Amino acid sequence: MSTNSSSASSPRHPIGVVARRTGLKPDLIRAWERRYGAVEPGRTDTRRRFYSDEDVERLLLLRRVVNTGRGISQVANLSNAELMALIESEPAPPAYVPSGPAPVGDELDEVAETFLGRCIAAAQRLDVREMELELDRASVLFSRTHLIERVLVPLMRRIGELWHQGALRPIHEHMASAVVRSFLGGMQGAYHPEVSAPHLVVTTPARQRHELGALLAAATAAGEGWQVTYLGPDLPPEEIAAAALQKGARAVAISITYPPDDPTLVDDLRRLRRLLGTRTSLIAGGRACTAYGAILQEIGAIQVEDLAGLRRELHVLRSSALGEPGAR
């Protein structure tokens, strides 16, 4: 790529495109820009960032250098030539590097196990950077669906199991959750659906404070081409319905994880259904969802067992919005 051409220096890429091309999370790109002046994107009249091909190339170089162990503060002011010299002086990192086509079948499971083992080991060492790096590497190798379902979901399940067994302390579980939470946020932000795409609001009901399931749902829906508004956890029905109304949401998705016996949640679900009205579908999933099966059936909520089920229901809902045959 020529860095002297006017097209290369023209700011034309939104941050989501840059995140997808570089593998860097949007919030990290913004932090590198604000704190260290790593790149200087153009701005629209509404202050929206747009990046040039030169910016993308520089961010890729900076990411490679940072992945060798240097801090961004040490290298942000170096020229591209100096960054490349640092990269060429480094030996290859001792990580899994695919040597052929993307793995399939049993090989896919083996590679996923490799990443799971490395991420768990990083969590045991409280090594945030190494865990982030392994997830970044996995995101290059796996498709979005496989990354979520073969790496992220099993990773958090195993971290939780090790915590309950006493093999990990709460600090290890909290660190791993924070890394995965940030990673999922970056995944969701990397997608830019069509303006005409249906809208999904994702959250957890009041007193449901475990949000990873909701984040997984938000990232999955964004990958399926939906416009997604993620509200975070622990919201009362009035606030959830207000967000759905403001965004004109086709559906609301809630994650119910713990506890499985909250009597107040039953009343909240009835109220949420009334406030949403009949035109907004309600989707419910999560580990404790089956414990509330009776009320969810009563209010006509769509219950999904896993992310594959969520994808199927989103497809049905989107087809019904388009009036396709066989849609709900």
Protein backbone atom coordinates (compact mmCIF):
# COMPACT_ATOMS: atom_id res chain seq x y z
CA MET A 1 0.00 0.00 0.00
CA SER A 2 1.30 3.43 -0.89
CA THR A 3 1.06 5.79 2.05
CA ASN A 4 1.61 8.84 -0.19
CA SER A 5 -1.58 8.58 -2.24
CA SER A 6 -4.46 10.90 -1.49
CA SER A 7 -6.83 7.94 -1.21
CA ALA A 8 -4.64 6.29 1.44
CA SER A 9 -4.67 9.42 3.58
CA SER A 10 -8.35 10.19 3.07
CA PRO A 11 -10.41 9.56 6.24
CA ARG A 12 -13.21 7.26 5.05
CA HIS A 13 -13.48 4.32 7.47
CA PRO A 14 -15.75 4.42 10.56
CA ILE A 15 -14.33 2.98 13.75
CA GLY A 16 -16.30 -0.26 13.43
CA VAL A 17 -14.60 -1.03 10.10
CA VAL A 18 -11.20 -0.19 11.59
CA ALA A 19 -11.87 -2.47 14.56
CA ARG A 20 -12.78 -5.31 12.22
CA ARG A 21 -9.67 -4.80 10.07
CA THR A 22 -7.20 -4.42 12.91
CA GLY A 23 -8.67 -6.73 15.54
CA LEU A 24 -8.51 -3.88 18.07
CA LYS A 25 -11.56 -3.04 20.16
CA PRO A 26 -13.13 0.37 19.39
CA ASP A 27 -12.63 1.59 22.95
CA LEU A 28 -8.94 0.63 22.77
CA ILE A 29 -8.51 2.50 19.47
CA ARG A 30 -10.07 5.58 21.03
CA ALA A 31 -7.85 5.25 24.11
CA TRP A 32 -4.69 4.97 21.99
CA GLU A 33 -5.79 8.06 20.09
CA ARG A 34 -6.71 10.20 23.11
CA ARG A 35 -3.92 9.24 25.49
CA TYR A 36 -0.98 8.63 23.16
CA GLY A 37 -1.79 10.30 19.84
CA ALA A 38 -1.25 7.00 18.03
CA VAL A 39 -3.42 8.15 15.10
CA GLU A 40 -5.32 11.34 14.26
CA PRO A 41 -8.62 10.44 12.59
CA GLY A 42 -10.70 12.91 10.67
CA ARG A 43 -13.94 14.22 12.15
CA THR A 44 -17.33 14.97 10.68
CA ASP A 45 -19.40 17.97 11.69
CA THR A 46 -21.03 15.75 14.33
CA ARG A 47 -17.57 14.76 15.69
CA ARG A 48 -17.79 11.20 14.38
CA ARG A 49 -14.39 9.63 13.77
CA PHE A 50 -13.30 8.47 10.31
CA TYR A 51 -9.94 6.79 9.68
CA SER A 52 -7.73 6.57 6.60
CA ASP A 53 -5.96 3.55 5.13
CA GLU A 54 -2.76 5.01 6.61
CA ASP A 55 -4.38 5.01 10.06
CA VAL A 56 -5.40 1.37 9.64
CA GLU A 57 -1.89 0.41 8.56
CA ARG A 58 -0.36 2.21 11.53
CA LEU A 59 -2.78 0.62 14.01
CA LEU A 60 -1.91 -2.80 12.64
CA LEU A 61 1.79 -2.08 13.16
CA LEU A 62 1.17 -0.79 16.68
CA ARG A 63 -0.86 -3.86 17.56
CA ARG A 64 1.93 -6.16 16.36
CA VAL A 65 4.52 -4.26 18.39
CA VAL A 66 2.38 -4.18 21.54
CA ASN A 67 1.83 -7.92 21.17
CA THR A 68 5.59 -8.40 21.55
CA GLY A 69 5.36 -7.08 25.10
CA ARG A 70 6.05 -3.37 24.71
CA GLY A 71 3.66 -0.80 26.16
CA ILE A 72 1.75 1.48 23.82
CA SER A 73 3.18 4.50 25.68
CA GLN A 74 6.68 3.38 24.65
CA VAL A 75 5.99 3.04 20.93
CA ALA A 76 3.08 5.35 20.02
CA ASN A 77 5.43 8.12 18.85
CA LEU A 78 7.65 5.89 16.70
CA SER A 79 7.51 6.09 12.93
CA ASN A 80 6.09 3.22 10.89
CA ALA A 81 9.61 2.29 9.79
CA GLU A 82 10.77 2.13 13.40
CA LEU A 83 7.76 0.01 14.33
CA MET A 84 8.50 -2.40 11.51
CA ALA A 85 12.12 -2.65 12.63
CA LEU A 86 10.97 -3.63 16.12
CA ILE A 87 8.63 -6.26 14.69
CA GLU A 88 11.36 -7.76 12.52
CA SER A 89 13.74 -7.94 15.47
CA GLU A 90 11.36 -10.06 17.55
CA PRO A 91 11.24 -13.87 17.46
CA ALA A 92 7.88 -15.46 16.75
CA PRO A 93 5.72 -15.76 19.90
CA PRO A 94 5.17 -19.26 21.31
CA ALA A 95 1.49 -19.42 20.43
CA TYR A 96 -0.71 -21.54 18.22
CA VAL A 97 -0.32 -20.39 14.63
CA PRO A 98 -2.34 -22.13 11.90
CA SER A 99 -0.19 -23.42 9.06
CA GLY A 100 -2.93 -24.37 6.62
CA PRO A 101 -6.62 -23.86 5.96
CA ALA A 102 -8.97 -23.09 8.82
CA PRO A 103 -9.61 -26.15 11.00
CA VAL A 104 -12.85 -28.11 10.72
CA GLY A 105 -14.53 -30.95 12.61
CA ASP A 106 -12.42 -32.66 15.24
CA GLU A 107 -9.48 -30.40 14.47
CA LEU A 108 -11.67 -27.41 15.29
CA ASP A 109 -12.39 -28.90 18.72
CA GLU A 110 -8.69 -29.54 19.32
CA VAL A 111 -7.74 -25.99 18.41
CA ALA A 112 -10.54 -24.62 20.62
CA GLU A 113 -9.18 -26.71 23.51
CA THR A 114 -5.76 -25.17 22.95
CA PHE A 115 -7.16 -21.66 23.29
CA LEU A 116 -9.29 -22.64 26.29
CA GLY A 117 -6.25 -24.04 28.08
CA ARG A 118 -4.20 -20.92 27.35
CA CYS A 119 -6.99 -18.58 28.50
CA ILE A 120 -7.54 -20.51 31.73
CA ALA A 121 -3.81 -20.49 32.42
CA ALA A 122 -3.75 -16.72 31.84
CA ALA A 123 -6.67 -16.31 34.26
CA GLN A 124 -4.81 -18.36 36.88
CA ARG A 125 -1.84 -15.98 36.54
CA LEU A 126 -4.14 -12.92 36.52
CA ASP A 127 -2.51 -12.07 33.20
CA VAL A 128 -5.06 -9.81 31.54
CA ARG A 129 -2.89 -8.98 28.55
CA GLU A 130 -2.17 -12.63 27.72
CA MET A 131 -5.83 -13.59 27.94
CA GLU A 132 -6.78 -10.70 25.68
CA LEU A 133 -4.08 -11.75 23.24
CA GLU A 134 -5.30 -15.36 23.12
CA LEU A 135 -8.86 -14.22 22.45
CA ASP A 136 -7.59 -11.92 19.71
CA ARG A 137 -5.73 -14.84 18.13
CA ALA A 138 -8.82 -17.03 18.36
CA SER A 139 -10.91 -14.32 16.69
CA VAL A 140 -8.61 -14.47 13.66
CA LEU A 141 -8.87 -18.24 13.34
CA PHE A 142 -12.52 -18.93 14.16
CA SER A 143 -15.72 -17.67 12.61
CA ARG A 144 -17.84 -15.44 14.82
CA THR A 145 -20.25 -18.27 15.66
CA HIS A 146 -17.49 -20.77 16.45
CA LEU A 147 -15.60 -18.18 18.49
CA ILE A 148 -18.63 -17.57 20.71
CA GLU A 149 -19.87 -21.14 21.00
CA ARG A 150 -16.58 -23.09 21.06
CA VAL A 151 -14.34 -20.68 22.93
CA LEU A 152 -16.14 -17.95 24.90
CA VAL A 153 -19.10 -19.94 26.23
CA PRO A 154 -17.00 -23.00 27.26
CA LEU A 155 -14.34 -20.71 28.73
CA MET A 156 -16.72 -18.98 31.13
CA ARG A 157 -18.40 -22.28 31.98
CA ARG A 158 -15.07 -23.85 32.91
CA ILE A 159 -13.90 -20.79 34.82
CA GLY A 160 -17.12 -20.97 36.83
CA GLU A 161 -16.69 -24.69 37.48
CA LEU A 162 -13.10 -24.22 38.65
CA TRP A 163 -14.25 -21.41 40.93
CA HIS A 164 -16.97 -23.57 42.50
CA GLN A 165 -14.46 -26.41 42.92
CA GLY A 166 -12.09 -24.10 44.76
CA ALA A 167 -9.40 -24.38 42.08
CA LEU A 168 -9.75 -20.65 41.30
CA ARG A 169 -10.34 -17.71 43.63
CA PRO A 170 -13.08 -15.13 43.04
CA ILE A 171 -10.41 -12.70 41.78
CA HIS A 172 -9.59 -15.08 38.91
CA GLU A 173 -13.25 -15.44 37.94
CA HIS A 174 -13.77 -11.68 38.10
CA MET A 175 -10.70 -11.00 35.96
CA ALA A 176 -11.73 -13.52 33.32
CA SER A 177 -15.28 -12.14 33.26
CA ALA A 178 -13.98 -8.60 32.82
CA VAL A 179 -11.78 -9.61 29.89
CA VAL A 180 -14.57 -11.54 28.18
CA ARG A 181 -17.03 -8.70 28.85
CA SER A 182 -14.71 -6.20 27.17
CA PHE A 183 -14.02 -8.58 24.29
CA LEU A 184 -17.73 -9.12 23.65
CA GLY A 185 -18.31 -5.38 23.70
CA GLY A 186 -15.68 -5.01 21.00
CA MET A 187 -17.28 -7.78 18.94
CA GLN A 188 -20.67 -6.11 19.08
CA GLY A 189 -19.20 -2.72 18.17
CA ALA A 190 -17.44 -4.14 15.11
CA TYR A 191 -20.73 -4.77 13.29
CA HIS A 192 -22.58 -2.08 11.38
CA PRO A 193 -25.98 -3.38 10.27
CA GLU A 194 -28.14 -1.86 7.60
CA VAL A 195 -30.23 1.11 8.69
CA SER A 196 -33.32 -0.89 7.74
CA ALA A 197 -32.35 -3.85 9.97
CA PRO A 198 -34.73 -4.66 12.84
CA HIS A 199 -33.78 -3.51 16.33
CA LEU A 200 -33.17 -5.69 19.38
CA VAL A 201 -32.88 -4.44 22.95
CA VAL A 202 -30.83 -6.72 25.22
CA THR A 203 -30.60 -6.63 29.01
CA THR A 204 -31.30 -8.58 32.21
CA PRO A 205 -34.33 -8.01 34.48
CA ALA A 206 -34.09 -6.31 37.87
CA ARG A 207 -31.92 -8.17 40.40
CA GLN A 208 -30.38 -10.27 37.61
CA ARG A 209 -26.82 -8.97 37.82
CA HIS A 210 -24.95 -11.62 35.80
CA GLU A 211 -24.63 -10.06 32.36
CA LEU A 212 -22.34 -12.32 30.32
CA GLY A 213 -25.28 -14.24 28.89
CA ALA A 214 -26.88 -10.99 27.78
CA LEU A 215 -23.60 -9.82 26.26
CA LEU A 216 -23.28 -13.10 24.34
CA ALA A 217 -26.83 -12.62 23.06
CA ALA A 218 -26.06 -9.02 22.02
CA ALA A 219 -22.91 -10.04 20.12
CA THR A 220 -24.74 -12.92 18.46
CA ALA A 221 -27.62 -10.71 17.33
CA ALA A 222 -25.23 -8.05 16.02
CA GLY A 223 -23.47 -10.73 14.01
CA GLU A 224 -26.84 -11.78 12.56
CA GLY A 225 -27.33 -8.29 11.17
CA TRP A 226 -29.65 -6.83 13.81
CA GLN A 227 -29.32 -3.35 15.22
CA VAL A 228 -28.62 -3.98 18.90
CA THR A 229 -28.96 -1.75 21.93
CA TYR A 230 -27.31 -3.36 24.95
CA LEU A 231 -28.52 -1.80 28.20
CA GLY A 232 -26.41 -3.65 30.75
CA PRO A 233 -27.86 -5.70 33.62
CA ASP A 234 -30.45 -5.25 36.37
CA LEU A 235 -33.20 -3.08 34.87
CA PRO A 236 -36.85 -2.78 35.95
CA PRO A 237 -39.56 -3.46 33.36
CA GLU A 238 -40.42 0.23 32.93
CA GLU A 239 -36.87 1.08 31.81
CA ILE A 240 -36.64 -1.91 29.47
CA ALA A 241 -39.94 -1.00 27.85
CA ALA A 242 -38.94 2.67 27.58
CA ALA A 243 -35.79 1.70 25.68
CA ALA A 244 -37.74 -0.62 23.38
CA LEU A 245 -40.24 2.14 22.63
CA GLN A 246 -37.56 4.76 21.99
CA LYS A 247 -35.63 2.48 19.63
CA GLY A 248 -38.72 1.05 17.92
CA ALA A 249 -37.48 -2.43 18.82
CA ARG A 250 -38.81 -5.48 17.00
CA ALA A 251 -37.88 -7.57 20.03
CA VAL A 252 -36.44 -7.48 23.54
CA ALA A 253 -34.08 -10.22 24.73
CA ILE A 254 -33.52 -10.85 28.44
CA SER A 255 -31.08 -13.18 30.18
CA ILE A 256 -32.23 -14.89 33.40
CA THR A 257 -29.31 -16.51 35.21
CA TYR A 258 -29.73 -16.37 38.99
CA PRO A 259 -31.63 -16.81 41.25
CA PRO A 260 -34.11 -19.40 39.95
CA ASP A 261 -36.77 -18.59 42.56
CA ASP A 262 -37.33 -14.83 42.64
CA PRO A 263 -41.10 -14.31 43.15
CA THR A 264 -40.78 -10.61 42.33
CA LEU A 265 -39.45 -11.49 38.88
CA VAL A 266 -42.75 -13.18 38.02
CA ASP A 267 -44.61 -9.89 38.54
CA ASP A 268 -41.88 -7.98 36.68
CA LEU A 269 -42.21 -10.26 33.66
CA ARG A 270 -45.99 -9.80 33.54
CA ARG A 271 -45.56 -6.02 33.74
CA LEU A 272 -42.86 -6.01 31.08
CA ARG A 273 -45.12 -7.91 28.72
CA ARG A 274 -47.96 -5.42 29.26
CA LEU A 275 -45.68 -2.43 28.78
CA LEU A 276 -44.14 -3.80 25.58
CA GLY A 277 -47.51 -4.37 23.98
CA THR A 278 -48.22 -6.96 21.32
CA ARG A 279 -45.95 -5.69 18.54
CA THR A 280 -42.66 -6.25 20.38
CA SER A 281 -41.56 -9.85 20.85
CA LEU A 282 -39.98 -10.92 24.13
CA ILE A 283 -37.14 -13.47 24.03
CA ALA A 284 -35.84 -15.11 27.22
CA GLY A 285 -32.79 -17.30 27.79
CA GLY A 286 -30.19 -18.08 30.41
CA ARG A 287 -29.39 -20.81 32.93
CA ALA A 288 -32.39 -20.07 35.17
CA CYS A 289 -34.85 -19.50 32.35
CA THR A 290 -36.50 -22.93 32.70
CA ALA A 291 -37.30 -22.19 36.36
CA TYR A 292 -39.61 -19.43 35.13
CA GLY A 293 -41.04 -21.49 32.27
CA ALA A 294 -44.65 -21.25 33.44
CA ILE A 295 -44.76 -17.45 33.57
CA LEU A 296 -42.80 -17.12 30.33
CA GLN A 297 -45.32 -19.37 28.61
CA GLU A 298 -48.19 -17.42 30.14
CA ILE A 299 -46.96 -14.11 28.73
CA GLY A 300 -46.07 -15.58 25.34
CA ALA A 301 -42.32 -15.10 25.61
CA ILE A 302 -40.06 -16.95 23.21
CA GLN A 303 -37.77 -19.24 25.23
CA VAL A 304 -34.37 -20.19 23.80
CA GLU A 305 -32.06 -22.83 25.24
CA ASP A 306 -28.82 -21.62 23.69
CA LEU A 307 -27.31 -19.19 21.21
CA ALA A 308 -28.14 -21.45 18.27
CA GLY A 309 -31.78 -21.24 19.34
CA LEU A 310 -31.49 -17.48 19.59
CA ARG A 311 -30.16 -17.27 16.04
CA ARG A 312 -33.06 -19.37 14.77
CA GLU A 313 -35.64 -17.19 16.51
CA LEU A 314 -34.01 -14.00 15.28
CA HIS A 315 -34.17 -15.36 11.75
CA VAL A 316 -37.87 -16.16 12.16
CA LEU A 317 -38.62 -12.72 13.58
CA ARG A 318 -36.70 -10.97 10.84
CA SER A 319 -38.46 -13.06 8.18
CA SER A 320 -41.85 -12.18 9.68
CA ALA A 321 -40.95 -8.49 9.52
CA LEU A 322 -40.21 -8.93 5.82
CA GLY A 323 -43.36 -10.99 5.23
CA GLU A 324 -41.45 -14.06 4.06
CA PRO A 325 -43.32 -17.39 3.77
CA GLY A 326 -43.13 -19.67 6.79
CA ALA A 327 -42.36 -16.84 9.21
CA ARG A 328 -44.00 -16.57 12.63
